Amino acid sequence: MNQARSYKTLSLLGTSLFCVALLGGCATTDNLNKAQSTADQALQKANEADANANAAKAAAAQASQKADEANANANAAKSTADQANSTAESAKAEVEKLAEKIDRMFKKTMQK
């Protein structure tokens, strides 16, 4: 953005110097109008470039925010998956314990 402002300043300064040079050389009104028109066009282009840069910066900030949200959602999903995996592992261990207990009870019953 500072670069765009510098461009505007240099453009206006250059145009002013050009106009002064034309005035010093007995410039006609037509020449001055052309110089002013050129300066106005340069300023308009600089303003457009500045607006485009600001729009791009806003879009980049929005994209960055959405990426941060997506990362947070992915981390939450991973946490949920980890919890589900832990619960499944606990359930599996409990099933194995119960299966062993049933086997022992069955063996005791068969021995009698």
PDB file of N, CA and C in Angstrom:
ATOM      1  N   MET A   1       0.829  -1.166   0.000  1.00  0.00           N
ATOM      2  CA  MET A   1       0.000   0.000   0.000  1.00  0.00           C
ATOM      3  C   MET A   1       0.881   1.239   0.000  1.00  0.00           C
ATOM      4  N   ASN A   2       1.956   1.252   0.742  1.00  0.00           N
ATOM      5  CA  ASN A   2       2.874   2.385   0.752  1.00  0.00           C
ATOM      6  C   ASN A   2       3.486   2.573  -0.623  1.00  0.00           C
ATOM      7  N   GLN A   3       3.704   1.462  -1.318  1.00  0.00           N
ATOM      8  CA  GLN A   3       4.276   1.544  -2.645  1.00  0.00           C
ATOM      9  C   GLN A   3       3.297   2.257  -3.577  1.00  0.00           C
ATOM     10  N   ALA A   4       2.006   1.969  -3.438  1.00  0.00           N
ATOM     11  CA  ALA A   4       1.003   2.610  -4.275  1.00  0.00           C
ATOM     12  C   ALA A   4       0.948   4.104  -3.974  1.00  0.00           C
ATOM     13  N   ARG A   5       1.054   4.449  -2.705  1.00  0.00           N
ATOM     14  CA  ARG A   5       1.045   5.872  -2.342  1.00  0.00           C
ATOM     15  C   ARG A   5       2.288   6.566  -2.889  1.00  0.00           C
ATOM     16  N   SER A   6       3.424   5.892  -2.826  1.00  0.00           N
ATOM     17  CA  SER A   6       4.649   6.466  -3.375  1.00  0.00           C
ATOM     18  C   SER A   6       4.490   6.671  -4.871  1.00  0.00           C
ATOM     19  N   TYR A   7       3.850   5.703  -5.534  1.00  0.00           N
ATOM     20  CA  TYR A   7       3.621   5.814  -6.964  1.00  0.00           C
ATOM     21  C   TYR A   7       2.738   7.018  -7.259  1.00  0.00           C
ATOM     22  N   LYS A   8       1.695   7.196  -6.447  1.00  0.00           N
ATOM     23  CA  LYS A   8       0.812   8.346  -6.630  1.00  0.00           C
ATOM     24  C   LYS A   8       1.586   9.652  -6.453  1.00  0.00           C
ATOM     25  N   THR A   9       2.369   9.709  -5.400  1.00  0.00           N
ATOM     26  CA  THR A   9       3.132  10.922  -5.102  1.00  0.00           C
ATOM     27  C   THR A   9       4.108  11.232  -6.226  1.00  0.00           C
ATOM     28  N   LEU A  10       4.829  10.206  -6.659  1.00  0.00           N
ATOM     29  CA  LEU A  10       5.790  10.418  -7.750  1.00  0.00           C
ATOM     30  C   LEU A  10       5.076  10.812  -9.035  1.00  0.00           C
ATOM     31  N   SER A  11       3.920  10.203  -9.277  1.00  0.00           N
ATOM     32  CA  SER A  11       3.166  10.525 -10.477  1.00  0.00           C
ATOM     33  C   SER A  11       2.725  11.984 -10.462  1.00  0.00           C
ATOM     34  N   LEU A  12       2.187  12.420  -9.332  1.00  0.00           N
ATOM     35  CA  LEU A  12       1.743  13.812  -9.233  1.00  0.00           C
ATOM     36  C   LEU A  12       2.919  14.780  -9.302  1.00  0.00           C
ATOM     37  N   LEU A  13       4.014  14.413  -8.652  1.00  0.00           N
ATOM     38  CA  LEU A  13       5.197  15.266  -8.686  1.00  0.00           C
ATOM     39  C   LEU A  13       5.741  15.374 -10.107  1.00  0.00           C
ATOM     40  N   GLY A  14       5.800  14.234 -10.791  1.00  0.00           N
ATOM     41  CA  GLY A  14       6.289  14.233 -12.174  1.00  0.00           C
ATOM     42  C   GLY A  14       5.394  15.052 -13.080  1.00  0.00           C
ATOM     43  N   THR A  15       4.102  14.926 -12.894  1.00  0.00           N
ATOM     44  CA  THR A  15       3.157  15.686 -13.707  1.00  0.00           C
ATOM     45  C   THR A  15       3.280  17.176 -13.418  1.00  0.00           C
ATOM     46  N   SER A  16       3.438  17.505 -12.157  1.00  0.00           N
ATOM     47  CA  SER A  16       3.597  18.921 -11.795  1.00  0.00           C
ATOM     48  C   SER A  16       4.854  19.503 -12.434  1.00  0.00           C
ATOM     49  N   LEU A  17       5.950  18.747 -12.361  1.00  0.00           N
ATOM     50  CA  LEU A  17       7.191  19.224 -12.984  1.00  0.00           C
ATOM     51  C   LEU A  17       7.022  19.372 -14.490  1.00  0.00           C
ATOM     52  N   PHE A  18       6.301  18.421 -15.085  1.00  0.00           N
ATOM     53  CA  PHE A  18       6.052  18.481 -16.517  1.00  0.00           C
ATOM     54  C   PHE A  18       5.244  19.730 -16.862  1.00  0.00           C
ATOM     55  N   CYS A  19       4.228  20.005 -16.046  1.00  0.00           N
ATOM     56  CA  CYS A  19       3.399  21.194 -16.281  1.00  0.00           C
ATOM     57  C   CYS A  19       4.214  22.478 -16.125  1.00  0.00           C
ATOM     58  N   VAL A  20       5.075  22.515 -15.116  1.00  0.00           N
ATOM     59  CA  VAL A  20       5.928  23.692 -14.909  1.00  0.00           C
ATOM     60  C   VAL A  20       6.859  23.871 -16.105  1.00  0.00           C
ATOM     61  N   ALA A  21       7.393  22.756 -16.593  1.00  0.00           N
ATOM     62  CA  ALA A  21       8.279  22.836 -17.759  1.00  0.00           C
ATOM     63  C   ALA A  21       7.512  23.346 -18.973  1.00  0.00           C
ATOM     64  N   LEU A  22       6.284  22.879 -19.113  1.00  0.00           N
ATOM     65  CA  LEU A  22       5.473  23.351 -20.236  1.00  0.00           C
ATOM     66  C   LEU A  22       5.144  24.831 -20.094  1.00  0.00           C
ATOM     67  N   LEU A  23       4.842  25.250 -18.867  1.00  0.00           N
ATOM     68  CA  LEU A  23       4.548  26.663 -18.643  1.00  0.00           C
ATOM     69  C   LEU A  23       5.775  27.517 -18.940  1.00  0.00           C
ATOM     70  N   GLY A  24       6.911  27.023 -18.539  1.00  0.00           N
ATOM     71  CA  GLY A  24       8.147  27.760 -18.795  1.00  0.00           C
ATOM     72  C   GLY A  24       8.447  27.850 -20.280  1.00  0.00           C
ATOM     73  N   GLY A  25       7.962  26.886 -21.030  1.00  0.00           N
ATOM     74  CA  GLY A  25       8.197  26.880 -22.476  1.00  0.00           C
ATOM     75  C   GLY A  25       7.007  27.405 -23.238  1.00  0.00           C
ATOM     76  N   CYS A  26       6.215  28.253 -22.615  1.00  0.00           N
ATOM     77  CA  CYS A  26       5.041  28.842 -23.261  1.00  0.00           C
ATOM     78  C   CYS A  26       4.092  27.769 -23.767  1.00  0.00           C
ATOM     79  N   ALA A  27       3.711  26.897 -22.890  1.00  0.00           N
ATOM     80  CA  ALA A  27       2.831  25.796 -23.265  1.00  0.00           C
ATOM     81  C   ALA A  27       1.432  26.318 -23.542  1.00  0.00           C
ATOM     82  N   THR A  28       0.772  25.621 -24.415  1.00  0.00           N
ATOM     83  CA  THR A  28      -0.601  26.004 -24.740  1.00  0.00           C
ATOM     84  C   THR A  28      -1.552  25.371 -23.729  1.00  0.00           C
ATOM     85  N   THR A  29      -2.757  25.876 -23.709  1.00  0.00           N
ATOM     86  CA  THR A  29      -3.776  25.322 -22.818  1.00  0.00           C
ATOM     87  C   THR A  29      -4.042  23.863 -23.159  1.00  0.00           C
ATOM     88  N   ASP A  30      -3.994  23.548 -24.437  1.00  0.00           N
ATOM     89  CA  ASP A  30      -4.223  22.167 -24.874  1.00  0.00           C
ATOM     90  C   ASP A  30      -3.155  21.236 -24.301  1.00  0.00           C
ATOM     91  N   ASN A  31      -1.906  21.692 -24.335  1.00  0.00           N
ATOM     92  CA  ASN A  31      -0.823  20.876 -23.769  1.00  0.00           C
ATOM     93  C   ASN A  31      -1.004  20.682 -22.267  1.00  0.00           C
ATOM     94  N   LEU A  32      -1.405  21.740 -21.586  1.00  0.00           N
ATOM     95  CA  LEU A  32      -1.633  21.632 -20.145  1.00  0.00           C
ATOM     96  C   LEU A  32      -2.797  20.692 -19.839  1.00  0.00           C
ATOM     97  N   ASN A  33      -3.851  20.781 -20.649  1.00  0.00           N
ATOM     98  CA  ASN A  33      -4.994  19.888 -20.451  1.00  0.00           C
ATOM     99  C   ASN A  33      -4.603  18.429 -20.674  1.00  0.00           C
ATOM    100  N   LYS A  34      -3.763  18.197 -21.687  1.00  0.00           N
ATOM    101  CA  LYS A  34      -3.294  16.832 -21.950  1.00  0.00           C
ATOM    102  C   LYS A  34      -2.445  16.319 -20.784  1.00  0.00           C
ATOM    103  N   ALA A  35      -1.592  17.189 -20.272  1.00  0.00           N
ATOM    104  CA  ALA A  35      -0.745  16.795 -19.143  1.00  0.00           C
ATOM    105  C   ALA A  35      -1.598  16.494 -17.912  1.00  0.00           C
ATOM    106  N   GLN A  36      -2.593  17.344 -17.674  1.00  0.00           N
ATOM    107  CA  GLN A  36      -3.479  17.116 -16.530  1.00  0.00           C
ATOM    108  C   GLN A  36      -4.272  15.824 -16.710  1.00  0.00           C
ATOM    109  N   SER A  37      -4.718  15.577 -17.934  1.00  0.00           N
ATOM    110  CA  SER A  37      -5.461  14.348 -18.220  1.00  0.00           C
ATOM    111  C   SER A  37      -4.587  13.119 -17.978  1.00  0.00           C
ATOM    112  N   THR A  38      -3.337  13.205 -18.402  1.00  0.00           N
ATOM    113  CA  THR A  38      -2.399  12.098 -18.177  1.00  0.00           C
ATOM    114  C   THR A  38      -2.177  11.879 -16.684  1.00  0.00           C
ATOM    115  N   ALA A  39      -2.038  12.967 -15.950  1.00  0.00           N
ATOM    116  CA  ALA A  39      -1.851  12.857 -14.500  1.00  0.00           C
ATOM    117  C   ALA A  39      -3.090  12.255 -13.842  1.00  0.00           C
ATOM    118  N   ASP A  40      -4.265  12.672 -14.298  1.00  0.00           N
ATOM    119  CA  ASP A  40      -5.507  12.125 -13.744  1.00  0.00           C
ATOM    120  C   ASP A  40      -5.625  10.630 -14.022  1.00  0.00           C
ATOM    121  N   GLN A  41      -5.244  10.234 -15.234  1.00  0.00           N
ATOM    122  CA  GLN A  41      -5.290   8.807 -15.579  1.00  0.00           C
ATOM    123  C   GLN A  41      -4.309   8.006 -14.726  1.00  0.00           C
ATOM    124  N   ALA A  42      -3.124   8.564 -14.525  1.00  0.00           N
ATOM    125  CA  ALA A  42      -2.126   7.872 -13.701  1.00  0.00           C
ATOM    126  C   ALA A  42      -2.620   7.730 -12.265  1.00  0.00           C
ATOM    127  N   LEU A  43      -3.235   8.781 -11.753  1.00  0.00           N
ATOM    128  CA  LEU A  43      -3.773   8.733 -10.395  1.00  0.00           C
ATOM    129  C   LEU A  43      -4.912   7.721 -10.299  1.00  0.00           C
ATOM    130  N   GLN A  44      -5.760   7.689 -11.317  1.00  0.00           N
ATOM    131  CA  GLN A  44      -6.860   6.721 -11.330  1.00  0.00           C
ATOM    132  C   GLN A  44      -6.317   5.291 -11.335  1.00  0.00           C
ATOM    133  N   LYS A  45      -5.301   5.037 -12.155  1.00  0.00           N
ATOM    134  CA  LYS A  45      -4.693   3.693 -12.206  1.00  0.00           C
ATOM    135  C   LYS A  45      -4.061   3.338 -10.861  1.00  0.00           C
ATOM    136  N   ALA A  46      -3.429   4.312 -10.233  1.00  0.00           N
ATOM    137  CA  ALA A  46      -2.819   4.060  -8.925  1.00  0.00           C
ATOM    138  C   ALA A  46      -3.891   3.746  -7.885  1.00  0.00           C
ATOM    139  N   ASN A  47      -4.996   4.477  -7.931  1.00  0.00           N
ATOM    140  CA  ASN A  47      -6.103   4.206  -7.004  1.00  0.00           C
ATOM    141  C   ASN A  47      -6.703   2.821  -7.239  1.00  0.00           C
ATOM    142  N   GLU A  48      -6.835   2.436  -8.511  1.00  0.00           N
ATOM    143  CA  GLU A  48      -7.348   1.102  -8.833  1.00  0.00           C
ATOM    144  C   GLU A  48      -6.402   0.022  -8.319  1.00  0.00           C
ATOM    145  N   ALA A  49      -5.112   0.233  -8.511  1.00  0.00           N
ATOM    146  CA  ALA A  49      -4.125  -0.742  -8.028  1.00  0.00           C
ATOM    147  C   ALA A  49      -4.181  -0.857  -6.507  1.00  0.00           C
ATOM    148  N   ASP A  50      -4.343   0.266  -5.843  1.00  0.00           N
ATOM    149  CA  ASP A  50      -4.444   0.270  -4.380  1.00  0.00           C
ATOM    150  C   ASP A  50      -5.696  -0.485  -3.923  1.00  0.00           C
ATOM    151  N   ALA A  51      -6.815  -0.240  -4.602  1.00  0.00           N
ATOM    152  CA  ALA A  51      -8.065  -0.932  -4.259  1.00  0.00           C
ATOM    153  C   ALA A  51      -7.933  -2.433  -4.504  1.00  0.00           C
ATOM    154  N   ASN A  52      -7.298  -2.801  -5.621  1.00  0.00           N
ATOM    155  CA  ASN A  52      -7.099  -4.224  -5.919  1.00  0.00           C
ATOM    156  C   ASN A  52      -6.204  -4.883  -4.876  1.00  0.00           C
ATOM    157  N   ALA A  53      -5.178  -4.181  -4.456  1.00  0.00           N
ATOM    158  CA  ALA A  53      -4.275  -4.729  -3.434  1.00  0.00           C
ATOM    159  C   ALA A  53      -5.014  -4.915  -2.114  1.00  0.00           C
ATOM    160  N   ASN A  54      -5.844  -3.952  -1.753  1.00  0.00           N
ATOM    161  CA  ASN A  54      -6.623  -4.071  -0.512  1.00  0.00           C
ATOM    162  C   ASN A  54      -7.616  -5.228  -0.590  1.00  0.00           C
ATOM    163  N   ALA A  55      -8.249  -5.396  -1.753  1.00  0.00           N
ATOM    164  CA  ALA A  55      -9.199  -6.505  -1.926  1.00  0.00           C
ATOM    165  C   ALA A  55      -8.471  -7.844  -1.838  1.00  0.00           C
ATOM    166  N   ALA A  56      -7.296  -7.924  -2.444  1.00  0.00           N
ATOM    167  CA  ALA A  56      -6.515  -9.165  -2.390  1.00  0.00           C
ATOM    168  C   ALA A  56      -6.075  -9.465  -0.963  1.00  0.00           C
ATOM    169  N   LYS A  57      -5.704  -8.426  -0.244  1.00  0.00           N
ATOM    170  CA  LYS A  57      -5.287  -8.610   1.154  1.00  0.00           C
ATOM    171  C   LYS A  57      -6.460  -9.108   2.001  1.00  0.00           C
ATOM    172  N   ALA A  58      -7.639  -8.554   1.781  1.00  0.00           N
ATOM    173  CA  ALA A  58      -8.825  -8.989   2.527  1.00  0.00           C
ATOM    174  C   ALA A  58      -9.176 -10.437   2.184  1.00  0.00           C
ATOM    175  N   ALA A  59      -9.081 -10.784   0.897  1.00  0.00           N
ATOM    176  CA  ALA A  59      -9.376 -12.161   0.483  1.00  0.00           C
ATOM    177  C   ALA A  59      -8.373 -13.132   1.087  1.00  0.00           C
ATOM    178  N   ALA A  60      -7.116 -12.732   1.142  1.00  0.00           N
ATOM    179  CA  ALA A  60      -6.087 -13.591   1.737  1.00  0.00           C
ATOM    180  C   ALA A  60      -6.334 -13.777   3.233  1.00  0.00           C
ATOM    181  N   ALA A  61      -6.728 -12.720   3.903  1.00  0.00           N
ATOM    182  CA  ALA A  61      -7.021 -12.820   5.339  1.00  0.00           C
ATOM    183  C   ALA A  61      -8.212 -13.742   5.583  1.00  0.00           C
ATOM    184  N   GLN A  62      -9.222 -13.643   4.725  1.00  0.00           N
ATOM    185  CA  GLN A  62     -10.398 -14.506   4.861  1.00  0.00           C
ATOM    186  C   GLN A  62     -10.022 -15.962   4.596  1.00  0.00           C
ATOM    187  N   ALA A  63      -9.205 -16.194   3.580  1.00  0.00           N
ATOM    188  CA  ALA A  63      -8.765 -17.562   3.277  1.00  0.00           C
ATOM    189  C   ALA A  63      -7.945 -18.129   4.428  1.00  0.00           C
ATOM    190  N   SER A  64      -7.112 -17.304   5.014  1.00  0.00           N
ATOM    191  CA  SER A  64      -6.305 -17.744   6.157  1.00  0.00           C
ATOM    192  C   SER A  64      -7.200 -18.114   7.334  1.00  0.00           C
ATOM    193  N   GLN A  65      -8.227 -17.318   7.571  1.00  0.00           N
ATOM    194  CA  GLN A  65      -9.162 -17.600   8.667  1.00  0.00           C
ATOM    195  C   GLN A  65      -9.891 -18.915   8.415  1.00  0.00           C
ATOM    196  N   LYS A  66     -10.327 -19.138   7.171  1.00  0.00           N
ATOM    197  CA  LYS A  66     -11.020 -20.387   6.848  1.00  0.00           C
ATOM    198  C   LYS A  66     -10.079 -21.582   6.992  1.00  0.00           C
ATOM    199  N   ALA A  67      -8.824 -21.407   6.627  1.00  0.00           N
ATOM    200  CA  ALA A  67      -7.850 -22.492   6.795  1.00  0.00           C
ATOM    201  C   ALA A  67      -7.643 -22.805   8.273  1.00  0.00           C
ATOM    202  N   ASP A  68      -7.583 -21.766   9.092  1.00  0.00           N
ATOM    203  CA  ASP A  68      -7.448 -21.975  10.540  1.00  0.00           C
ATOM    204  C   ASP A  68      -8.661 -22.727  11.098  1.00  0.00           C
ATOM    205  N   GLU A  69      -9.853 -22.360  10.622  1.00  0.00           N
ATOM    206  CA  GLU A  69     -11.067 -23.051  11.063  1.00  0.00           C
ATOM    207  C   GLU A  69     -11.047 -24.513  10.627  1.00  0.00           C
ATOM    208  N   ALA A  70     -10.605 -24.758   9.394  1.00  0.00           N
ATOM    209  CA  ALA A  70     -10.531 -26.135   8.895  1.00  0.00           C
ATOM    210  C   ALA A  70      -9.542 -26.953   9.717  1.00  0.00           C
ATOM    211  N   ASN A  71      -8.418 -26.345  10.074  1.00  0.00           N
ATOM    212  CA  ASN A  71      -7.438 -27.045  10.917  1.00  0.00           C
ATOM    213  C   ASN A  71      -8.025 -27.356  12.293  1.00  0.00           C
ATOM    214  N   ALA A  72      -8.748 -26.411  12.854  1.00  0.00           N
ATOM    215  CA  ALA A  72      -9.370 -26.639  14.160  1.00  0.00           C
ATOM    216  C   ALA A  72     -10.395 -27.770  14.077  1.00  0.00           C
ATOM    217  N   ASN A  73     -11.178 -27.780  12.994  1.00  0.00           N
ATOM    218  CA  ASN A  73     -12.158 -28.857  12.811  1.00  0.00           C
ATOM    219  C   ASN A  73     -11.470 -30.204  12.630  1.00  0.00           C
ATOM    220  N   ALA A  74     -10.377 -30.223  11.889  1.00  0.00           N
ATOM    221  CA  ALA A  74      -9.632 -31.469  11.689  1.00  0.00           C
ATOM    222  C   ALA A  74      -9.056 -31.964  13.011  1.00  0.00           C
ATOM    223  N   ASN A  75      -8.545 -31.050  13.812  1.00  0.00           N
ATOM    224  CA  ASN A  75      -8.005 -31.440  15.124  1.00  0.00           C
ATOM    225  C   ASN A  75      -9.105 -31.982  16.037  1.00  0.00           C
ATOM    226  N   ALA A  76     -10.277 -31.365  15.984  1.00  0.00           N
ATOM    227  CA  ALA A  76     -11.402 -31.845  16.794  1.00  0.00           C
ATOM    228  C   ALA A  76     -11.835 -33.235  16.331  1.00  0.00           C
ATOM    229  N   ALA A  77     -11.866 -33.438  15.014  1.00  0.00           N
ATOM    230  CA  ALA A  77     -12.236 -34.750  14.479  1.00  0.00           C
ATOM    231  C   ALA A  77     -11.217 -35.808  14.883  1.00  0.00           C
ATOM    232  N   LYS A  78      -9.944 -35.444  14.855  1.00  0.00           N
ATOM    233  CA  LYS A  78      -8.893 -36.386  15.261  1.00  0.00           C
ATOM    234  C   LYS A  78      -9.044 -36.737  16.736  1.00  0.00           C
ATOM    235  N   SER A  79      -9.330 -35.746  17.549  1.00  0.00           N
ATOM    236  CA  SER A  79      -9.525 -35.982  18.979  1.00  0.00           C
ATOM    237  C   SER A  79     -10.702 -36.930  19.210  1.00  0.00           C
ATOM    238  N   THR A  80     -11.792 -36.708  18.491  1.00  0.00           N
ATOM    239  CA  THR A  80     -12.963 -37.582  18.615  1.00  0.00           C
ATOM    240  C   THR A  80     -12.622 -39.003  18.174  1.00  0.00           C
ATOM    241  N   ALA A  81     -11.886 -39.115  17.075  1.00  0.00           N
ATOM    242  CA  ALA A  81     -11.483 -40.441  16.593  1.00  0.00           C
ATOM    243  C   ALA A  81     -10.568 -41.129  17.598  1.00  0.00           C
ATOM    244  N   ASP A  82      -9.667 -40.377  18.197  1.00  0.00           N
ATOM    245  CA  ASP A  82      -8.773 -40.949  19.214  1.00  0.00           C
ATOM    246  C   ASP A  82      -9.570 -41.447  20.421  1.00  0.00           C
ATOM    247  N   GLN A  83     -10.566 -40.665  20.831  1.00  0.00           N
ATOM    248  CA  GLN A  83     -11.410 -41.080  21.956  1.00  0.00           C
ATOM    249  C   GLN A  83     -12.195 -42.342  21.611  1.00  0.00           C
ATOM    250  N   ALA A  84     -12.719 -42.398  20.390  1.00  0.00           N
ATOM    251  CA  ALA A  84     -13.471 -43.578  19.957  1.00  0.00           C
ATOM    252  C   ALA A  84     -12.563 -44.803  19.920  1.00  0.00           C
ATOM    253  N   ASN A  85     -11.339 -44.619  19.456  1.00  0.00           N
ATOM    254  CA  ASN A  85     -10.375 -45.717  19.407  1.00  0.00           C
ATOM    255  C   ASN A  85     -10.052 -46.201  20.818  1.00  0.00           C
ATOM    256  N   SER A  86      -9.861 -45.267  21.727  1.00  0.00           N
ATOM    257  CA  SER A  86      -9.568 -45.621  23.114  1.00  0.00           C
ATOM    258  C   SER A  86     -10.732 -46.390  23.738  1.00  0.00           C
ATOM    259  N   THR A  87     -11.950 -45.933  23.469  1.00  0.00           N
ATOM    260  CA  THR A  87     -13.135 -46.622  23.987  1.00  0.00           C
ATOM    261  C   THR A  87     -13.235 -48.031  23.406  1.00  0.00           C
ATOM    262  N   ALA A  88     -12.954 -48.158  22.123  1.00  0.00           N
ATOM    263  CA  ALA A  88     -12.996 -49.474  21.481  1.00  0.00           C
ATOM    264  C   ALA A  88     -11.943 -50.402  22.074  1.00  0.00           C
ATOM    265  N   GLU A  89     -10.748 -49.880  22.317  1.00  0.00           N
ATOM    266  CA  GLU A  89      -9.681 -50.687  22.922  1.00  0.00           C
ATOM    267  C   GLU A  89     -10.078 -51.138  24.329  1.00  0.00           C
ATOM    268  N   SER A  90     -10.687 -50.249  25.097  1.00  0.00           N
ATOM    269  CA  SER A  90     -11.141 -50.602  26.452  1.00  0.00           C
ATOM    270  C   SER A  90     -12.219 -51.680  26.395  1.00  0.00           C
ATOM    271  N   ALA A  91     -13.144 -51.528  25.465  1.00  0.00           N
ATOM    272  CA  ALA A  91     -14.215 -52.520  25.317  1.00  0.00           C
ATOM    273  C   ALA A  91     -13.641 -53.874  24.912  1.00  0.00           C
ATOM    274  N   LYS A  92     -12.669 -53.851  24.020  1.00  0.00           N
ATOM    275  CA  LYS A  92     -12.031 -55.100  23.576  1.00  0.00           C
ATOM    276  C   LYS A  92     -11.344 -55.785  24.756  1.00  0.00           C
ATOM    277  N   ALA A  93     -10.640 -55.025  25.564  1.00  0.00           N
ATOM    278  CA  ALA A  93      -9.954 -55.586  26.734  1.00  0.00           C
ATOM    279  C   ALA A  93     -10.967 -56.171  27.713  1.00  0.00           C
ATOM    280  N   GLU A  94     -12.081 -55.484  27.894  1.00  0.00           N
ATOM    281  CA  GLU A  94     -13.126 -55.983  28.803  1.00  0.00           C
ATOM    282  C   GLU A  94     -13.730 -57.279  28.271  1.00  0.00           C
ATOM    283  N   VAL A  95     -13.962 -57.349  26.976  1.00  0.00           N
ATOM    284  CA  VAL A  95     -14.496 -58.570  26.356  1.00  0.00           C
ATOM    285  C   VAL A  95     -13.526 -59.728  26.547  1.00  0.00           C
ATOM    286  N   GLU A  96     -12.232 -59.456  26.368  1.00  0.00           N
ATOM    287  CA  GLU A  96     -11.232 -60.511  26.554  1.00  0.00           C
ATOM    288  C   GLU A  96     -11.224 -61.010  28.000  1.00  0.00           C
ATOM    289  N   LYS A  97     -11.342 -60.091  28.952  1.00  0.00           N
ATOM    290  CA  LYS A  97     -11.394 -60.491  30.368  1.00  0.00           C
ATOM    291  C   LYS A  97     -12.613 -61.372  30.638  1.00  0.00           C
ATOM    292  N   LEU A  98     -13.758 -60.958  30.119  1.00  0.00           N
ATOM    293  CA  LEU A  98     -14.978 -61.734  30.327  1.00  0.00           C
ATOM    294  C   LEU A  98     -14.887 -63.100  29.654  1.00  0.00           C
ATOM    295  N   ALA A  99     -14.275 -63.153  28.479  1.00  0.00           N
ATOM    296  CA  ALA A  99     -14.118 -64.433  27.780  1.00  0.00           C
ATOM    297  C   ALA A  99     -13.244 -65.378  28.599  1.00  0.00           C
ATOM    298  N   GLU A 100     -12.163 -64.842  29.170  1.00  0.00           N
ATOM    299  CA  GLU A 100     -11.295 -65.670  30.019  1.00  0.00           C
ATOM    300  C   GLU A 100     -12.055 -66.160  31.254  1.00  0.00           C
ATOM    301  N   LYS A 101     -12.839 -65.281  31.832  1.00  0.00           N
ATOM    302  CA  LYS A 101     -13.613 -65.653  33.021  1.00  0.00           C
ATOM    303  C   LYS A 101     -14.616 -66.759  32.688  1.00  0.00           C
ATOM    304  N   ILE A 102     -15.269 -66.627  31.555  1.00  0.00           N
ATOM    305  CA  ILE A 102     -16.230 -67.646  31.124  1.00  0.00           C
ATOM    306  C   ILE A 102     -15.517 -68.971  30.876  1.00  0.00           C
ATOM    307  N   ASP A 103     -14.342 -68.910  30.236  1.00  0.00           N
ATOM    308  CA  ASP A 103     -13.569 -70.133  29.983  1.00  0.00           C
ATOM    309  C   ASP A 103     -13.204 -70.818  31.295  1.00  0.00           C
ATOM    310  N   ARG A 104     -12.755 -70.037  32.269  1.00  0.00           N
ATOM    311  CA  ARG A 104     -12.387 -70.620  33.568  1.00  0.00           C
ATOM    312  C   ARG A 104     -13.600 -71.263  34.241  1.00  0.00           C
ATOM    313  N   MET A 105     -14.709 -70.562  34.181  1.00  0.00           N
ATOM    314  CA  MET A 105     -15.925 -71.110  34.791  1.00  0.00           C
ATOM    315  C   MET A 105     -16.348 -72.401  34.084  1.00  0.00           C
ATOM    316  N   PHE A 106     -16.228 -72.401  32.774  1.00  0.00           N
ATOM    317  CA  PHE A 106     -16.599 -73.590  32.006  1.00  0.00           C
ATOM    318  C   PHE A 106     -15.686 -74.764  32.350  1.00  0.00           C
ATOM    319  N   LYS A 107     -14.381 -74.491  32.463  1.00  0.00           N
ATOM    320  CA  LYS A 107     -13.425 -75.549  32.818  1.00  0.00           C
ATOM    321  C   LYS A 107     -13.715 -76.102  34.208  1.00  0.00           C
ATOM    322  N   LYS A 108     -14.029 -75.229  35.151  1.00  0.00           N
ATOM    323  CA  LYS A 108     -14.350 -75.677  36.513  1.00  0.00           C
ATOM    324  C   LYS A 108     -15.598 -76.557  36.497  1.00  0.00           C
ATOM    325  N   THR A 109     -16.563 -76.146  35.727  1.00  0.00           N
ATOM    326  CA  THR A 109     -17.801 -76.913  35.641  1.00  0.00           C
ATOM    327  C   THR A 109     -17.551 -78.284  35.024  1.00  0.00           C
ATOM    328  N   MET A 110     -16.687 -78.336  34.036  1.00  0.00           N
ATOM    329  CA  MET A 110     -16.387 -79.591  33.350  1.00  0.00           C
ATOM    330  C   MET A 110     -15.581 -80.530  34.240  1.00  0.00           C
ATOM    331  N   GLN A 111     -14.799 -79.988  35.150  1.00  0.00           N
ATOM    332  CA  GLN A 111     -13.973 -80.815  36.033  1.00  0.00           C
ATOM    333  C   GLN A 111     -14.816 -81.502  37.093  1.00  0.00           C
ATOM    334  N   LYS A 112     -15.905 -80.980  37.437  1.00  0.00           N
ATOM    335  CA  LYS A 112     -16.735 -81.552  38.507  1.00  0.00           C
ATOM    336  C   LYS A 112     -17.478 -82.731  38.054  1.00  0.00           C
TER     337      LYS A 112
END
